[in-house]
Protein backbone atom coordinates (compact mmCIF):
# COMPACT_ATOMS: atom_id res chain seq x y z
CA MET A 1 183.80 171.26 -63.11
CA LYS A 2 182.72 167.75 -64.08
CA PHE A 3 182.91 165.64 -67.24
CA SER A 4 180.32 163.28 -68.64
CA ARG A 5 181.08 159.59 -68.50
CA LEU A 6 182.23 157.64 -71.53
CA THR A 7 179.11 155.98 -72.91
CA ARG A 8 179.37 152.22 -72.82
CA ARG A 9 175.83 151.34 -73.86
CA GLY A 10 175.23 148.77 -76.55
CA ILE A 11 172.48 148.23 -79.09
CA LEU A 12 170.58 145.70 -76.95
CA LEU A 13 171.07 144.98 -73.25
CA GLY A 14 174.52 146.54 -73.26
CA LEU A 15 175.78 144.41 -76.16
CA SER A 16 177.51 146.05 -79.11
CA LEU A 17 176.87 145.12 -82.73
CA PRO A 18 179.89 142.74 -83.00
CA GLN A 19 178.81 141.03 -79.78
CA LEU A 20 175.27 140.62 -81.06
CA ILE A 21 176.55 139.09 -84.31
CA THR A 22 178.76 136.52 -82.60
CA LEU A 23 176.01 135.76 -80.06
CA ALA A 24 173.53 135.23 -82.90
CA VAL A 25 175.96 132.86 -84.65
CA ALA A 26 176.35 130.88 -81.41
CA VAL A 27 172.59 130.65 -80.85
CA LEU A 28 171.90 129.65 -84.45
CA SER A 29 174.58 126.95 -84.36
CA VAL A 30 173.18 125.50 -81.11
CA VAL A 31 169.55 125.59 -82.27
CA GLY A 32 170.41 124.19 -85.70
CA ALA A 33 172.44 121.37 -84.17
CA LEU A 34 169.62 120.43 -81.77
CA TYR A 35 167.02 120.30 -84.52
CA ALA A 36 169.23 118.55 -87.10
CA GLY A 37 171.16 115.93 -85.17
CA GLY A 38 170.56 116.24 -81.47
CA GLY A 39 173.34 115.87 -78.94
CA ILE A 40 175.91 114.36 -81.33
CA LEU A 41 175.74 117.27 -83.79
CA LEU A 42 175.75 119.68 -80.84
CA ALA A 43 179.09 118.18 -79.77
CA TYR A 44 180.45 118.55 -83.31
CA THR A 45 179.45 122.22 -83.44
CA ALA A 46 180.85 122.91 -79.97
CA PRO A 47 183.99 124.66 -81.31
CA ILE A 48 181.79 127.15 -83.19
CA TRP A 49 179.45 128.22 -80.40
CA LEU A 50 182.17 128.01 -77.75
CA ALA A 51 184.45 130.26 -79.81
CA CYS A 52 181.57 132.71 -80.36
CA ALA A 53 180.80 132.74 -76.64
CA VAL A 54 184.44 133.41 -75.77
CA LEU A 55 184.67 136.22 -78.34
CA THR A 56 181.45 137.74 -77.01
CA TRP A 57 182.05 137.69 -73.25
CA VAL A 58 185.78 137.35 -72.49
CA PRO A 59 187.54 140.73 -72.03
CA ALA A 60 191.14 141.57 -72.88
CA GLY A 61 192.83 144.93 -72.47
CA GLY A 62 189.61 146.73 -71.59
CA ARG A 63 187.71 145.36 -74.61
CA LYS A 64 185.87 142.20 -75.51
CA LEU A 65 187.80 139.82 -77.73
CA ILE A 66 185.44 140.37 -80.67
CA GLU A 67 186.33 144.08 -80.64
CA TRP A 68 189.99 143.20 -81.14
CA VAL A 69 189.27 141.28 -84.34
CA PRO A 70 189.10 144.31 -86.72
CA VAL A 71 192.13 145.89 -85.03
CA THR A 72 194.14 142.69 -85.46
CA PHE A 73 193.10 142.22 -89.08
CA ARG A 74 193.98 145.82 -89.94
CA TRP A 75 197.35 145.44 -88.25
CA ALA A 76 198.05 142.21 -90.16
CA TRP A 77 197.12 143.92 -93.42
CA ARG A 78 199.51 146.79 -92.69
CA VAL A 79 202.30 144.38 -91.76
CA THR A 80 201.95 142.33 -94.94
CA GLY A 81 201.64 145.48 -97.05
CA GLY A 82 204.82 147.05 -95.65
CA HIS A 83 202.96 150.10 -94.30
CA LEU A 84 204.80 150.15 -90.97
CA ILE A 85 208.09 151.42 -92.38
CA TYR A 86 208.60 154.82 -93.99
CA ARG A 87 211.84 155.91 -95.60
CA ARG A 88 212.11 159.21 -97.33
CA ARG A 89 213.36 159.21 -100.89
CA VAL A 90 216.09 161.80 -100.71
CA VAL A 91 216.85 161.90 -104.43
CA LYS A 92 213.15 162.19 -105.39
CA PRO A 93 211.65 165.55 -104.34
CA ARG A 94 208.09 165.86 -103.18
CA PRO A 95 205.48 167.43 -105.51
CA ALA A 96 205.03 171.15 -105.01
CA GLY A 97 202.52 172.07 -102.32
CA THR A 98 202.57 168.70 -100.52
CA LEU A 99 203.76 167.87 -97.02
CA ALA A 100 206.53 165.32 -96.60
CA LEU A 101 204.65 163.25 -94.02
CA PRO A 102 204.29 159.45 -93.78
CA GLY A 103 201.13 157.38 -94.01
CA ASP A 104 197.79 158.87 -94.96
CA ALA A 105 199.10 162.32 -93.93
CA ALA A 106 201.10 162.33 -97.18
CA ALA A 107 197.94 163.48 -98.96
CA LEU A 108 197.87 166.80 -97.05
CA ARG A 109 198.31 169.90 -99.18
CA GLU A 110 199.66 173.36 -98.38
CA TYR A 111 197.84 176.54 -99.29
CA VAL A 112 199.14 180.00 -98.38
CA ASP A 113 196.40 182.55 -97.83
CA PRO A 114 197.29 185.65 -99.87
CA GLU A 115 195.64 188.06 -97.41
CA THR A 116 196.86 186.79 -94.02
CA GLU A 117 199.93 184.85 -95.28
CA ALA A 118 198.79 182.03 -93.02
CA ALA A 119 199.54 178.41 -93.83
CA MET A 120 196.33 176.49 -94.48
CA ILE A 121 196.51 172.71 -94.56
CA HIS A 122 194.05 170.96 -96.86
CA ASP A 123 193.08 167.38 -96.03
CA PRO A 124 191.44 165.83 -99.13
CA HIS A 125 190.45 162.68 -97.21
CA GLN A 126 188.58 164.38 -94.37
CA HIS A 127 187.63 167.44 -96.48
CA THR A 128 188.95 170.03 -94.05
CA LEU A 129 191.02 173.19 -94.31
CA THR A 130 193.02 174.01 -91.19
CA ALA A 131 194.74 177.15 -89.92
CA VAL A 132 196.96 177.34 -86.82
CA ILE A 133 197.50 180.22 -84.40
CA GLY A 134 199.88 180.56 -81.47
CA LEU A 135 198.57 181.48 -78.01
CA SER A 136 200.16 182.93 -74.90
CA HIS A 137 198.52 183.11 -71.51
CA PRO A 138 199.45 183.57 -67.84
CA ALA A 139 200.09 180.61 -65.58
CA PHE A 140 196.57 179.39 -64.87
CA VAL A 141 197.42 177.51 -61.68
CA LEU A 142 198.88 180.68 -60.13
CA LEU A 143 195.65 182.66 -60.52
CA ASP A 144 193.18 183.04 -57.69
CA PRO A 145 190.02 180.85 -57.81
CA GLY A 146 187.78 183.75 -58.83
CA GLU A 147 189.97 184.63 -61.79
CA GLN A 148 190.20 180.97 -62.78
CA GLU A 149 186.43 180.66 -62.79
CA ARG A 150 186.10 183.81 -64.90
CA ARG A 151 188.60 182.53 -67.46
CA VAL A 152 186.91 179.13 -67.62
CA THR A 153 183.57 180.85 -68.30
CA ALA A 154 185.18 182.98 -71.02
CA TRP A 155 186.72 179.89 -72.62
CA GLY A 156 183.29 178.27 -72.57
CA ARG A 157 182.00 181.20 -74.62
CA VAL A 158 184.80 180.61 -77.14
CA LEU A 159 183.73 176.99 -77.53
CA ALA A 160 180.08 177.99 -77.79
CA THR A 161 181.02 180.31 -80.67
CA THR A 162 182.47 177.41 -82.64
CA CYS A 163 179.31 175.38 -82.04
CA ARG A 164 177.00 178.10 -83.31
CA SER A 165 178.91 178.45 -86.56
CA GLY A 166 178.02 175.01 -87.85
CA ARG A 167 180.96 175.06 -90.28
CA ILE A 168 183.74 174.09 -87.89
CA ALA A 169 184.83 170.47 -88.10
CA ARG A 170 187.28 170.46 -85.19
CA LEU A 171 189.15 172.68 -82.77
CA GLN A 172 192.51 171.41 -81.50
CA VAL A 173 194.42 172.74 -78.51
CA LEU A 174 198.03 171.52 -78.61
CA GLU A 175 200.32 172.14 -75.63
CA ARG A 176 203.95 171.07 -76.11
CA THR A 177 207.09 171.02 -74.01
CA LEU A 178 210.15 172.09 -75.96
CA PRO A 179 213.84 172.17 -75.04
CA ASP A 180 214.79 175.76 -74.37
CA SER A 181 217.60 176.92 -76.63
CA GLY A 182 218.60 179.63 -74.15
CA THR A 183 217.99 182.48 -76.60
CA GLY A 184 215.63 184.20 -74.16
CA LEU A 185 218.23 184.33 -71.39
CA ALA A 186 220.91 185.41 -73.83
CA GLU A 187 218.75 188.23 -75.18
CA TRP A 188 217.95 189.37 -71.64
CA TRP A 189 221.65 189.45 -70.74
CA ASP A 190 222.46 191.41 -73.89
CA ALA A 191 219.78 193.98 -73.04
CA HIS A 192 220.24 194.28 -69.28
CA GLY A 193 223.61 192.74 -68.47
CA ASP A 194 226.89 194.55 -67.90
CA ALA A 195 229.66 192.59 -69.64
CA ASP A 196 232.50 194.56 -68.02
CA GLY A 197 234.86 191.59 -67.85
CA SER A 198 234.58 191.25 -64.09
CA TRP A 199 234.50 187.89 -62.34
CA ALA A 200 230.80 188.21 -61.50
CA ALA A 201 229.81 189.14 -65.05
CA THR A 202 231.90 186.33 -66.56
CA THR A 203 230.50 183.74 -64.15
CA TYR A 204 226.94 184.90 -64.76
CA GLN A 205 227.38 184.74 -68.54
CA GLU A 206 228.84 181.22 -68.33
CA LEU A 207 225.91 180.14 -66.14
CA ILE A 208 223.42 181.44 -68.73
CA GLU A 209 225.22 179.60 -71.53
CA ARG A 210 225.10 176.32 -69.58
CA ALA A 211 221.66 176.52 -68.00
CA GLY A 212 219.77 177.92 -70.98
CA PRO A 213 219.81 174.85 -73.28
CA ALA A 214 219.13 172.55 -70.31
CA GLY A 215 215.75 174.13 -69.56
CA GLU A 216 212.38 173.66 -71.19
CA ARG A 217 209.49 175.84 -72.19
CA HIS A 218 205.82 175.39 -73.06
CA ALA A 219 204.17 176.36 -76.34
CA THR A 220 200.44 176.37 -77.07
CA THR A 221 198.74 176.43 -80.46
CA LEU A 222 195.10 176.44 -81.49
CA SER A 223 194.09 174.78 -84.76
CA LEU A 224 190.81 175.62 -86.49
CA ALA A 225 189.51 173.16 -89.11
CA LEU A 226 186.79 174.14 -91.58
CA ASP A 227 184.36 171.46 -92.71
CA MET A 228 184.38 171.95 -96.48
CA LYS A 229 181.35 169.68 -96.98
CA THR A 230 179.14 171.64 -94.59
CA ALA A 231 180.36 174.98 -95.96
CA ALA A 232 180.08 173.91 -99.62
CA ARG A 233 177.49 176.57 -100.48
CA GLN A 234 179.51 179.39 -98.91
CA ILE A 235 182.65 178.13 -100.65
CA ARG A 236 180.93 178.21 -104.05
CA THR A 237 179.69 181.73 -103.33
CA ALA A 238 183.25 182.83 -102.49
CA GLY A 239 184.65 181.52 -105.78
CA GLY A 240 185.00 177.78 -105.17
CA GLY A 241 188.10 175.63 -104.72
CA LEU A 242 190.74 176.29 -102.11
CA ARG A 243 190.53 180.03 -102.69
CA GLY A 244 186.85 180.05 -101.79
CA ALA A 245 187.44 177.75 -98.83
CA ALA A 246 190.19 180.07 -97.60
CA ALA A 247 187.81 183.04 -97.78
CA VAL A 248 185.23 181.17 -95.67
CA LEU A 249 187.91 180.06 -93.21
CA ARG A 250 189.09 183.66 -92.86
CA GLN A 251 185.64 184.60 -91.60
CA GLU A 252 185.83 181.89 -88.95
CA MET A 253 189.36 182.99 -88.06
CA THR A 254 188.18 186.56 -87.48
CA THR A 255 185.32 185.38 -85.27
CA LEU A 256 187.68 183.15 -83.28
CA LEU A 257 190.18 185.97 -82.77
CA ALA A 258 187.46 188.21 -81.33
CA ALA A 259 186.35 185.43 -78.98
CA LEU A 260 189.93 184.77 -77.86
CA ARG A 261 190.50 188.45 -77.06
CA ALA A 262 187.31 188.48 -75.03
CA ALA A 263 188.65 185.49 -73.09
CA ASP A 264 191.88 187.37 -72.22
CA LEU A 265 194.00 185.05 -74.36
CA THR A 266 196.84 186.68 -76.26
CA ALA A 267 196.67 185.43 -79.83
CA ARG A 268 199.70 185.90 -81.99
CA ALA A 269 199.62 186.00 -85.78
CA TRP A 270 198.40 182.98 -87.70
CA LEU A 271 201.32 180.66 -88.32
CA THR A 272 203.14 180.93 -91.62
CA PRO A 273 204.33 177.88 -93.61
CA GLY A 274 207.80 178.25 -92.10
CA GLU A 275 206.50 178.23 -88.54
CA VAL A 276 204.30 175.20 -89.20
CA ALA A 277 207.29 173.44 -90.77
CA VAL A 278 209.35 173.99 -87.61
CA ILE A 279 206.60 172.42 -85.46
CA LEU A 280 206.36 169.37 -87.75
CA ARG A 281 210.13 168.90 -87.88
CA SER A 282 210.51 169.30 -84.11
CA ALA A 283 207.80 166.71 -83.45
CA TYR A 284 209.51 163.99 -85.48
CA ASP A 285 213.06 165.10 -84.61
CA PRO A 286 213.07 166.61 -81.08
CA ALA A 287 216.87 166.74 -80.98
CA ILE A 288 216.92 169.44 -83.67
CA ALA A 289 214.27 171.68 -82.05
CA ALA A 290 216.72 173.90 -80.15
CA THR A 291 218.90 174.32 -83.24
CA LEU A 292 215.93 175.35 -85.37
CA GLU A 293 214.98 177.95 -82.79
CA ARG A 294 218.47 179.43 -82.58
CA HIS A 295 218.85 179.64 -86.36
CA GLY A 296 215.68 181.25 -87.61
CA ASP A 297 216.24 180.46 -91.31
CA LEU A 298 216.71 176.70 -90.98
CA GLY A 299 213.99 174.07 -91.44
CA ARG A 300 211.30 176.48 -92.63
CA ASP A 301 210.18 174.62 -95.72
CA LEU A 302 207.07 172.43 -95.51
CA ALA A 303 208.31 170.32 -98.39
CA THR A 304 211.23 169.10 -96.23
CA ALA A 305 209.67 169.31 -92.76
CA GLY A 306 208.72 165.65 -92.50
CA PRO A 307 210.79 162.81 -91.04
CA VAL A 308 213.54 160.92 -92.82
CA ALA A 309 212.58 157.53 -91.36
CA VAL A 310 209.65 156.20 -89.34
CA THR A 311 209.16 152.67 -88.00
CA GLU A 312 205.91 151.72 -86.28
CA THR A 313 205.49 148.83 -83.85
CA TRP A 314 202.45 147.55 -81.98
CA ASP A 315 202.72 150.09 -79.14
CA GLN A 316 205.52 152.48 -80.16
CA LEU A 317 206.75 154.70 -82.96
CA ARG A 318 210.38 155.38 -83.87
CA SER A 319 211.22 158.50 -85.83
CA ASP A 320 214.45 160.33 -86.62
CA SER A 321 215.86 160.99 -83.15
CA ALA A 322 213.24 159.73 -80.70
CA HIS A 323 210.92 156.95 -79.66
CA HIS A 324 207.26 157.92 -79.20
CA ALA A 325 204.23 156.46 -77.44
CA VAL A 326 200.69 157.88 -77.49
CA LEU A 327 198.30 157.58 -74.55
CA TRP A 328 194.55 158.09 -74.81
CA ILE A 329 192.65 159.68 -71.94
CA SER A 330 189.90 157.08 -71.76
CA GLU A 331 188.25 158.47 -68.61
CA TRP A 332 188.02 162.08 -67.53
CA PRO A 333 187.33 162.91 -63.85
CA ARG A 334 184.01 161.47 -62.73
CA SER A 335 183.75 163.70 -59.68
CA LEU A 336 183.92 167.46 -59.26
CA VAL A 337 187.46 168.79 -59.78
CA TYR A 338 189.07 172.20 -59.92
CA PRO A 339 189.65 173.73 -63.38
CA GLY A 340 193.41 173.21 -63.08
CA PHE A 341 193.12 169.47 -62.53
CA LEU A 342 195.48 168.69 -65.43
CA ALA A 343 198.40 170.48 -63.76
CA PRO A 344 200.19 167.22 -62.76
CA VAL A 345 200.25 166.16 -66.42
CA LEU A 346 200.99 169.49 -68.08
CA LEU A 347 203.60 170.66 -65.56
CA SER A 348 205.59 167.43 -65.32
CA THR A 349 209.25 168.30 -65.71
CA GLY A 350 212.00 166.39 -67.46
CA ILE A 351 209.58 164.74 -69.93
CA HIS A 352 209.26 165.69 -73.58
CA ARG A 353 205.55 165.39 -74.28
CA SER A 354 202.69 167.01 -76.14
CA PHE A 355 199.09 167.16 -74.99
CA SER A 356 196.40 167.42 -77.65
CA LEU A 357 192.74 168.15 -76.92
CA ILE A 358 190.47 167.61 -79.91
CA CYS A 359 187.10 169.39 -79.60
CA THR A 360 184.42 168.35 -82.10
CA PRO A 361 181.57 170.89 -81.97
CA ILE A 362 178.00 169.74 -82.57
CA ARG A 363 175.35 172.05 -83.95
CA SER A 364 172.57 172.91 -81.54
CA ASP A 365 169.83 171.23 -83.56
CA GLN A 366 171.88 168.08 -84.04
CA ALA A 367 172.85 168.03 -80.36
CA ALA A 368 169.18 168.33 -79.36
CA ARG A 369 168.27 165.39 -81.61
CA ASP A 370 171.12 163.29 -80.20
CA ILE A 371 170.06 164.05 -76.64
CA ARG A 372 166.46 163.10 -77.34
CA LYS A 373 167.63 159.88 -78.98
CA LYS A 374 169.83 159.02 -76.00
CA LYS A 375 167.00 159.69 -73.55
CA THR A 376 164.70 157.40 -75.52
CA GLU A 377 167.35 154.67 -75.62
CA TYR A 378 168.02 154.90 -71.89
CA ILE A 379 164.31 154.71 -71.05
CA SER A 380 163.79 151.77 -73.43
CA ASP A 381 166.79 149.90 -72.04
CA ALA A 382 165.58 150.47 -68.48
CA ALA A 383 162.14 149.11 -69.36
CA GLN A 384 163.67 146.07 -71.08
CA ARG A 385 165.91 145.33 -68.08
CA GLN A 386 162.93 145.62 -65.77
CA LYS A 387 160.98 143.08 -67.85
CA ILE A 388 163.73 140.46 -67.72
CA GLY A 389 164.48 141.15 -64.06
CA GLN A 390 167.95 142.63 -64.55
CA ILE A 391 169.19 144.90 -61.77
CA GLU A 392 169.66 148.55 -62.65
CA ASP A 393 173.34 149.53 -62.76
CA ALA A 394 174.48 152.69 -60.98
CA GLY A 395 176.74 153.55 -63.92
CA GLN A 396 173.80 153.50 -66.31
CA THR A 397 171.85 155.78 -64.00
CA ALA A 398 174.80 158.19 -63.85
CA GLU A 399 175.03 158.24 -67.67
CA TYR A 400 171.34 159.10 -67.87
CA HIS A 401 171.85 161.98 -65.45
CA ASP A 402 174.75 163.19 -67.62
CA VAL A 403 172.40 163.28 -70.60
CA LEU A 404 169.90 165.34 -68.61
CA GLN A 405 172.69 167.72 -67.59
CA GLN A 406 173.76 168.13 -71.22
CA GLU A 407 170.16 168.96 -72.13
CA ALA A 408 170.05 171.59 -69.39
CA ASP A 409 173.37 173.10 -70.56
CA LEU A 410 172.17 173.19 -74.16
CA THR A 411 168.97 174.92 -73.10
CA ALA A 412 171.05 177.48 -71.17
CA GLY A 413 172.91 178.43 -74.36
CA HIS A 414 176.10 176.43 -73.98
CA GLY A 415 177.67 174.39 -76.75
CA ILE A 416 177.94 170.62 -76.87
CA LEU A 417 181.34 169.23 -77.87
CA ARG A 418 182.96 165.83 -78.00
CA TYR A 419 186.39 165.78 -76.37
CA THR A 420 189.31 163.53 -77.24
CA GLY A 421 192.50 163.80 -75.20
CA LEU A 422 195.81 162.34 -76.40
CA ILE A 423 199.27 162.54 -74.83
CA ASN A 424 202.39 161.86 -76.87
CA ILE A 425 205.59 161.06 -74.96
CA SER A 426 209.00 161.19 -76.66
CA ALA A 427 212.37 159.97 -75.43
CA PRO A 428 215.79 159.19 -76.95
CA SER A 429 215.67 155.47 -76.08
CA THR A 430 213.12 152.76 -75.36
CA ASP A 431 214.04 152.49 -71.68
CA GLU A 432 213.71 156.24 -71.16
CA LEU A 433 210.41 156.17 -73.03
CA GLU A 434 208.94 153.49 -70.76
CA ALA A 435 210.06 155.43 -67.69
CA ALA A 436 208.48 158.61 -69.06
CA VAL A 437 205.24 156.79 -69.92
CA SER A 438 205.03 155.43 -66.37
CA ALA A 439 205.59 158.92 -64.96
CA VAL A 440 202.85 160.40 -67.16
CA GLU A 441 200.45 157.61 -66.20
CA GLN A 442 201.03 158.34 -62.54
CA ALA A 443 200.54 162.05 -63.17
CA ALA A 444 197.25 161.25 -64.92
CA ILE A 445 196.12 159.29 -61.87
CA GLN A 446 196.84 162.36 -59.72
CA ALA A 447 194.70 164.36 -62.17
CA SER A 448 191.81 161.86 -61.66
CA CYS A 449 192.12 160.66 -65.27
CA GLU A 450 192.50 157.18 -66.71
CA THR A 451 194.89 156.65 -69.62
CA ARG A 452 195.29 153.75 -72.02
CA ARG A 453 198.11 153.13 -74.42
CA LEU A 454 196.92 153.00 -78.01
CA VAL A 455 198.04 149.87 -79.83
CA GLY A 456 198.03 149.03 -83.51
CA GLN A 457 197.60 152.69 -84.49
CA GLN A 458 200.54 154.59 -83.07
CA ALA A 459 201.43 156.29 -86.37
CA ALA A 460 197.95 157.69 -86.91
CA ALA A 461 197.65 158.68 -83.25
CA PHE A 462 200.99 160.50 -83.39
CA THR A 463 199.81 162.82 -86.18
CA VAL A 464 196.86 163.76 -83.96
CA ALA A 465 198.68 164.05 -80.63
CA ALA A 466 201.89 165.79 -81.73
CA LEU A 467 201.01 167.76 -84.89
CA PRO A 468 198.70 170.82 -85.04
CA LEU A 469 196.73 169.50 -88.02
CA ALA A 470 193.32 169.03 -86.30
CA ARG A 471 193.00 165.45 -87.48
CA THR A 472 191.19 162.51 -85.91
CA VAL A 473 192.16 158.91 -85.14
């Protein structure tokens, strides 16, 4: 399998809109100075056009300096407004039906579907309604290559189903590592063990009690987000409001379940509000995850599932019992790789992390228009570069071939999706967090991926990378 390259084309000659603006300011200042006052006025305006030139061409952290300007201004606005610190008001309860989450996620609302008893999360800002389902599957890396290829093809049909619907805003696959509470081993011993009081039985039982909580397990969820704007007509037909949106989402849930069964994925029941609350609480407070699993009645209220305190810094996030850092997969493999190429990242041991893959489906007609537009832009840029004598870049040629491949896949009946990969790493202290981040970065290199640490937006990125809410950053 092979991924398309991240498009780095600009509006004109590879320059983005901010670069074109600063370049235009520099050119206008130079031309105006030459016409108005000659060399003396050109010297006076030197700070303006020199600063514009530096902002346009000098890179920093993988971006041009002008692209850091909006990020810096937004960060300064959040610092002065006190938006980096969240403290829960213990004596003031949350309004009924809301989620106790910090930041813009505080606007999320809970709706319980009366037919499936599933927890549906309504996002009034992004106009989506999201349902979450748990998945179980065999170890993919242990399957033979033929079976792996068959399962990849079946998963492709699942994604194509979401593209044909036209009402799905996003599909999120969230894979988390959780501390094992040891309940599985204890239940196995109770069912199959022989507690006869012998030395062997006593030693074995003590070993289970010690080794169980020290292990870890993997949990996978799939979040389906309905675009309420696109499905507005169907929602009105179903009665309008959240009840009508829930009826439309149930139809998509049924279609997705059928596609998952055809792909040999074992789908459990749609998560209830209590189960979603445990996931949210465990993400912000990893130290309590094992306790919540052992005691099934604790922490199963969405109104109290959020964190008690959150402090955001430029490149980290501190919540109740852990420090967090979010990495963005900025480059997927550029060469052909096996389907299990992410195994070094997903199977890394001793690291508490969550991997989130956000799939944004594009309707077939819209995807065809986008592909035609990209082809026209590539051909126009190539003609413009040829006129000015600029050498053709191999990366630009490869991007054009990726567009042609997408067109061929779309013609063959496949779906076109935009992928966003985020990795959240959690640790009890800052030093352990940095060590874990370094280990995950090295694992990503082994997986032929390039990762970048998100800065100035760790809080928003955490809600995407660690929570099954199908949001975007």
